[in-house]
Amino acid sequence: MPGLTLYLADEEAMQTFGGRIAKATAGEGVIFLEGDLGAGKTTLSRGIIRGLGHAGAVKSPTFTLVEPYELGAVRAYHFDLYRLVDPEELEFLGIRDYFDGQSLCLVEWPARGAGFLPKADMTITISPQASGRSLCLAPSTPRGEGWCAMLSEESR
């Protein structure tokens, strides 16, 4: 499955690209966000959630594990599993209810939920590069492939 790698110069570019991702997903699917602490996972999530129509603050759900966003007909859930001690804790959160196929789920630190999370449509790995960030988008479903194709066309 062909992916997409691109360079974003700054935080504003990350948020703008997040808006493009929001448009491509139409508010449905599963995206895993990977990268070291401070790589920009929450910044990209902020851009995606704002791109879906949210006008308020978008904070990292580091302590709550999940922040829900009801945006008209769109439901988005932003997960941050960094502080998750045991993946089994996700069962107590009712994790399966969030991944109903009718919402967009953004998951930071997905490896910490291994065995309890569904397959991602796309994994985005963010790495510092010069003063900006390198993003590697890797689709793992036909839906994710469609997103990458749309985003690739827009990036030309």
C-alpha atoms as a PDB file:
ATOM      1  CA  MET A   1       0.000   0.000   0.000  1.00  0.00           C
ATOM      2  CA  PRO A   2       1.616   3.259  -1.094  1.00  0.00           C
ATOM      3  CA  GLY A   3       2.039   5.872   1.604  1.00  0.00           C
ATOM      4  CA  LEU A   4       2.987   9.493   1.649  1.00  0.00           C
ATOM      5  CA  THR A   5       5.916  11.297   3.252  1.00  0.00           C
ATOM      6  CA  LEU A   6       6.035  15.051   3.527  1.00  0.00           C
ATOM      7  CA  TYR A   7       7.739  17.870   5.366  1.00  0.00           C
ATOM      8  CA  LEU A   8       5.833  20.530   7.305  1.00  0.00           C
ATOM      9  CA  ALA A   9       7.776  23.644   8.250  1.00  0.00           C
ATOM     10  CA  ASP A  10       6.031  24.695  11.462  1.00  0.00           C
ATOM     11  CA  GLU A  11       3.088  24.364  13.857  1.00  0.00           C
ATOM     12  CA  GLU A  12       0.800  26.357  11.562  1.00  0.00           C
ATOM     13  CA  ALA A  13       1.586  24.001   8.665  1.00  0.00           C
ATOM     14  CA  MET A  14       0.836  21.009  10.934  1.00  0.00           C
ATOM     15  CA  GLN A  15      -2.563  22.409  11.858  1.00  0.00           C
ATOM     16  CA  THR A  16      -3.349  23.309   8.242  1.00  0.00           C
ATOM     17  CA  PHE A  17      -2.439  19.790   7.132  1.00  0.00           C
ATOM     18  CA  GLY A  18      -4.621  18.444   9.966  1.00  0.00           C
ATOM     19  CA  GLY A  19      -7.515  20.300   8.366  1.00  0.00           C
ATOM     20  CA  ARG A  20      -6.776  18.560   5.071  1.00  0.00           C
ATOM     21  CA  ILE A  21      -6.782  15.201   6.858  1.00  0.00           C
ATOM     22  CA  ALA A  22     -10.160  16.050   8.433  1.00  0.00           C
ATOM     23  CA  LYS A  23     -11.585  16.784   4.991  1.00  0.00           C
ATOM     24  CA  ALA A  24     -10.177  13.550   3.548  1.00  0.00           C
ATOM     25  CA  THR A  25     -11.627  11.406   6.359  1.00  0.00           C
ATOM     26  CA  ALA A  26     -15.066  13.074   6.318  1.00  0.00           C
ATOM     27  CA  GLY A  27     -15.105  12.389  10.069  1.00  0.00           C
ATOM     28  CA  GLU A  28     -14.906   8.592  10.000  1.00  0.00           C
ATOM     29  CA  GLY A  29     -12.071   6.136  10.558  1.00  0.00           C
ATOM     30  CA  VAL A  30      -9.142   5.298  12.789  1.00  0.00           C
ATOM     31  CA  ILE A  31      -5.798   7.111  12.724  1.00  0.00           C
ATOM     32  CA  PHE A  32      -2.834   6.104  14.866  1.00  0.00           C
ATOM     33  CA  LEU A  33      -0.370   8.901  15.665  1.00  0.00           C
ATOM     34  CA  GLU A  34       3.188   7.883  16.479  1.00  0.00           C
ATOM     35  CA  GLY A  35       6.270   9.850  17.424  1.00  0.00           C
ATOM     36  CA  ASP A  36       8.372  10.808  20.417  1.00  0.00           C
ATOM     37  CA  LEU A  37       7.221  13.171  23.146  1.00  0.00           C
ATOM     38  CA  GLY A  38       6.897  16.648  21.664  1.00  0.00           C
ATOM     39  CA  ALA A  39       6.871  15.399  18.064  1.00  0.00           C
ATOM     40  CA  GLY A  40       3.568  17.130  17.275  1.00  0.00           C
ATOM     41  CA  LYS A  41       0.904  14.432  17.661  1.00  0.00           C
ATOM     42  CA  THR A  42      -1.423  16.696  19.640  1.00  0.00           C
ATOM     43  CA  THR A  43      -0.760  19.635  17.303  1.00  0.00           C
ATOM     44  CA  LEU A  44      -1.786  17.526  14.313  1.00  0.00           C
ATOM     45  CA  SER A  45      -4.825  16.236  16.238  1.00  0.00           C
ATOM     46  CA  ARG A  46      -5.792  19.835  17.009  1.00  0.00           C
ATOM     47  CA  GLY A  47      -5.702  20.636  13.291  1.00  0.00           C
ATOM     48  CA  ILE A  48      -7.825  17.592  12.454  1.00  0.00           C
ATOM     49  CA  ILE A  49     -10.439  18.341  15.128  1.00  0.00           C
ATOM     50  CA  ARG A  50     -10.626  22.009  14.150  1.00  0.00           C
ATOM     51  CA  GLY A  51     -10.866  20.907  10.519  1.00  0.00           C
ATOM     52  CA  LEU A  52     -13.977  18.947  11.495  1.00  0.00           C
ATOM     53  CA  GLY A  53     -15.532  22.176  12.784  1.00  0.00           C
ATOM     54  CA  HIS A  54     -14.505  22.485  16.442  1.00  0.00           C
ATOM     55  CA  ALA A  55     -13.874  26.122  17.387  1.00  0.00           C
ATOM     56  CA  GLY A  56     -12.775  25.785  21.029  1.00  0.00           C
ATOM     57  CA  ALA A  57      -9.655  24.532  22.720  1.00  0.00           C
ATOM     58  CA  VAL A  58      -8.248  21.112  21.862  1.00  0.00           C
ATOM     59  CA  LYS A  59      -6.257  19.825  24.785  1.00  0.00           C
ATOM     60  CA  SER A  60      -4.216  16.687  25.099  1.00  0.00           C
ATOM     61  CA  PRO A  61      -6.197  13.921  26.821  1.00  0.00           C
ATOM     62  CA  THR A  62      -3.077  12.726  28.658  1.00  0.00           C
ATOM     63  CA  PHE A  63      -4.864  12.404  32.006  1.00  0.00           C
ATOM     64  CA  THR A  64      -8.408  11.589  30.836  1.00  0.00           C
ATOM     65  CA  LEU A  65      -7.208   9.148  28.112  1.00  0.00           C
ATOM     66  CA  VAL A  66      -9.999  10.332  25.772  1.00  0.00           C
ATOM     67  CA  GLU A  67     -11.595  13.650  24.809  1.00  0.00           C
ATOM     68  CA  PRO A  68     -14.889  13.424  22.890  1.00  0.00           C
ATOM     69  CA  TYR A  69     -15.984  16.026  20.326  1.00  0.00           C
ATOM     70  CA  GLU A  70     -19.574  16.175  19.092  1.00  0.00           C
ATOM     71  CA  LEU A  71     -19.497  18.284  15.931  1.00  0.00           C
ATOM     72  CA  GLY A  72     -22.979  18.215  14.423  1.00  0.00           C
ATOM     73  CA  ALA A  73     -23.296  14.850  12.720  1.00  0.00           C
ATOM     74  CA  VAL A  74     -19.608  14.094  13.289  1.00  0.00           C
ATOM     75  CA  ARG A  75     -18.229  12.480  16.427  1.00  0.00           C
ATOM     76  CA  ALA A  76     -14.489  12.522  16.987  1.00  0.00           C
ATOM     77  CA  TYR A  77     -12.525  10.948  19.820  1.00  0.00           C
ATOM     78  CA  HIS A  78      -8.965  11.945  20.663  1.00  0.00           C
ATOM     79  CA  PHE A  79      -7.093   9.321  22.691  1.00  0.00           C
ATOM     80  CA  ASP A  80      -3.725   9.721  24.396  1.00  0.00           C
ATOM     81  CA  LEU A  81      -2.586   6.376  25.795  1.00  0.00           C
ATOM     82  CA  TYR A  82       0.784   7.612  27.093  1.00  0.00           C
ATOM     83  CA  ARG A  83      -0.169   7.118  30.756  1.00  0.00           C
ATOM     84  CA  LEU A  84      -1.956   3.805  30.204  1.00  0.00           C
ATOM     85  CA  VAL A  85      -0.462   1.252  32.600  1.00  0.00           C
ATOM     86  CA  ASP A  86      -2.122  -1.880  31.216  1.00  0.00           C
ATOM     87  CA  PRO A  87      -3.906  -2.170  27.848  1.00  0.00           C
ATOM     88  CA  GLU A  88      -6.688  -4.075  29.620  1.00  0.00           C
ATOM     89  CA  GLU A  89      -7.707  -0.745  31.224  1.00  0.00           C
ATOM     90  CA  LEU A  90      -9.192   0.108  27.840  1.00  0.00           C
ATOM     91  CA  GLU A  91     -11.899  -2.497  28.422  1.00  0.00           C
ATOM     92  CA  PHE A  92     -13.004  -0.583  31.533  1.00  0.00           C
ATOM     93  CA  LEU A  93     -13.247   2.579  29.420  1.00  0.00           C
ATOM     94  CA  GLY A  94     -15.650   0.803  27.080  1.00  0.00           C
ATOM     95  CA  ILE A  95     -13.145   1.184  24.255  1.00  0.00           C
ATOM     96  CA  ARG A  96     -15.195  -0.839  21.771  1.00  0.00           C
ATOM     97  CA  ASP A  97     -18.035   1.698  21.949  1.00  0.00           C
ATOM     98  CA  TYR A  98     -15.817   4.442  20.538  1.00  0.00           C
ATOM     99  CA  PHE A  99     -14.726   2.437  17.497  1.00  0.00           C
ATOM    100  CA  ASP A 100     -18.192   2.009  15.996  1.00  0.00           C
ATOM    101  CA  GLY A 101     -17.208   2.873  12.426  1.00  0.00           C
ATOM    102  CA  GLN A 102     -19.328   6.037  12.530  1.00  0.00           C
ATOM    103  CA  SER A 103     -16.749   8.312  14.177  1.00  0.00           C
ATOM    104  CA  LEU A 104     -13.176   9.476  13.751  1.00  0.00           C
ATOM    105  CA  CYS A 105     -10.764   8.105  16.357  1.00  0.00           C
ATOM    106  CA  LEU A 106      -7.309   9.662  16.723  1.00  0.00           C
ATOM    107  CA  VAL A 107      -5.011   7.561  18.901  1.00  0.00           C
ATOM    108  CA  GLU A 108      -1.704   8.840  20.273  1.00  0.00           C
ATOM    109  CA  TRP A 109       0.689   6.161  21.617  1.00  0.00           C
ATOM    110  CA  PRO A 110      -1.319   3.271  20.074  1.00  0.00           C
ATOM    111  CA  ALA A 111       1.303   0.635  20.956  1.00  0.00           C
ATOM    112  CA  ARG A 112       0.255   1.010  24.604  1.00  0.00           C
ATOM    113  CA  GLY A 113      -3.207  -0.262  23.690  1.00  0.00           C
ATOM    114  CA  ALA A 114      -1.998  -3.226  21.636  1.00  0.00           C
ATOM    115  CA  GLY A 115      -4.454  -6.105  21.559  1.00  0.00           C
ATOM    116  CA  PHE A 116      -7.396  -3.870  22.500  1.00  0.00           C
ATOM    117  CA  LEU A 117      -7.451  -1.394  19.617  1.00  0.00           C
ATOM    118  CA  PRO A 118      -8.866  -2.095  16.161  1.00  0.00           C
ATOM    119  CA  LYS A 119      -6.690  -1.906  13.072  1.00  0.00           C
ATOM    120  CA  ALA A 120      -5.917   1.663  12.023  1.00  0.00           C
ATOM    121  CA  ASP A 121      -6.930   2.911   8.604  1.00  0.00           C
ATOM    122  CA  MET A 122      -3.727   4.937   8.611  1.00  0.00           C
ATOM    123  CA  THR A 123      -0.716   5.418  10.854  1.00  0.00           C
ATOM    124  CA  ILE A 124       1.009   8.793  10.851  1.00  0.00           C
ATOM    125  CA  THR A 125       4.557   8.835  12.189  1.00  0.00           C
ATOM    126  CA  ILE A 126       5.862  12.287  13.063  1.00  0.00           C
ATOM    127  CA  SER A 127       9.597  13.008  13.367  1.00  0.00           C
ATOM    128  CA  PRO A 128      11.490  16.247  13.977  1.00  0.00           C
ATOM    129  CA  GLN A 129      13.379  17.360  10.881  1.00  0.00           C
ATOM    130  CA  ALA A 130      15.356  20.616  10.735  1.00  0.00           C
ATOM    131  CA  SER A 131      13.009  23.215  12.270  1.00  0.00           C
ATOM    132  CA  GLY A 132       9.867  21.384  11.166  1.00  0.00           C
ATOM    133  CA  ARG A 133       8.441  17.887  11.065  1.00  0.00           C
ATOM    134  CA  SER A 134       8.525  14.962   8.700  1.00  0.00           C
ATOM    135  CA  LEU A 135       5.242  13.046   8.454  1.00  0.00           C
ATOM    136  CA  CYS A 136       5.049   9.522   7.123  1.00  0.00           C
ATOM    137  CA  LEU A 137       1.484   8.450   6.333  1.00  0.00           C
ATOM    138  CA  ALA A 138       1.093   4.679   6.042  1.00  0.00           C
ATOM    139  CA  PRO A 139      -2.334   3.377   5.046  1.00  0.00           C
ATOM    140  CA  SER A 140      -3.371  -0.099   6.169  1.00  0.00           C
ATOM    141  CA  THR A 141      -6.912  -0.318   4.764  1.00  0.00           C
ATOM    142  CA  PRO A 142      -8.572   0.667   1.474  1.00  0.00           C
ATOM    143  CA  ARG A 143     -10.079   3.657   3.319  1.00  0.00           C
ATOM    144  CA  GLY A 144      -6.592   4.765   4.397  1.00  0.00           C
ATOM    145  CA  GLU A 145      -5.317   4.300   0.843  1.00  0.00           C
ATOM    146  CA  GLY A 146      -8.061   6.619  -0.389  1.00  0.00           C
ATOM    147  CA  TRP A 147      -7.089   9.245   2.181  1.00  0.00           C
ATOM    148  CA  CYS A 148      -3.428   9.041   1.137  1.00  0.00           C
ATOM    149  CA  ALA A 149      -4.365   9.355  -2.523  1.00  0.00           C
ATOM    150  CA  MET A 150      -6.439  12.488  -1.811  1.00  0.00           C
ATOM    151  CA  LEU A 151      -3.743  14.050   0.358  1.00  0.00           C
ATOM    152  CA  SER A 152      -1.044  13.175  -2.179  1.00  0.00           C
ATOM    153  CA  GLU A 153      -2.984  14.887  -4.977  1.00  0.00           C
ATOM    154  CA  GLU A 154      -3.396  18.017  -2.839  1.00  0.00           C
ATOM    155  CA  SER A 155       0.322  18.051  -2.007  1.00  0.00           C
ATOM    156  CA  ARG A 156       1.440  18.315  -5.626  1.00  0.00           C
END
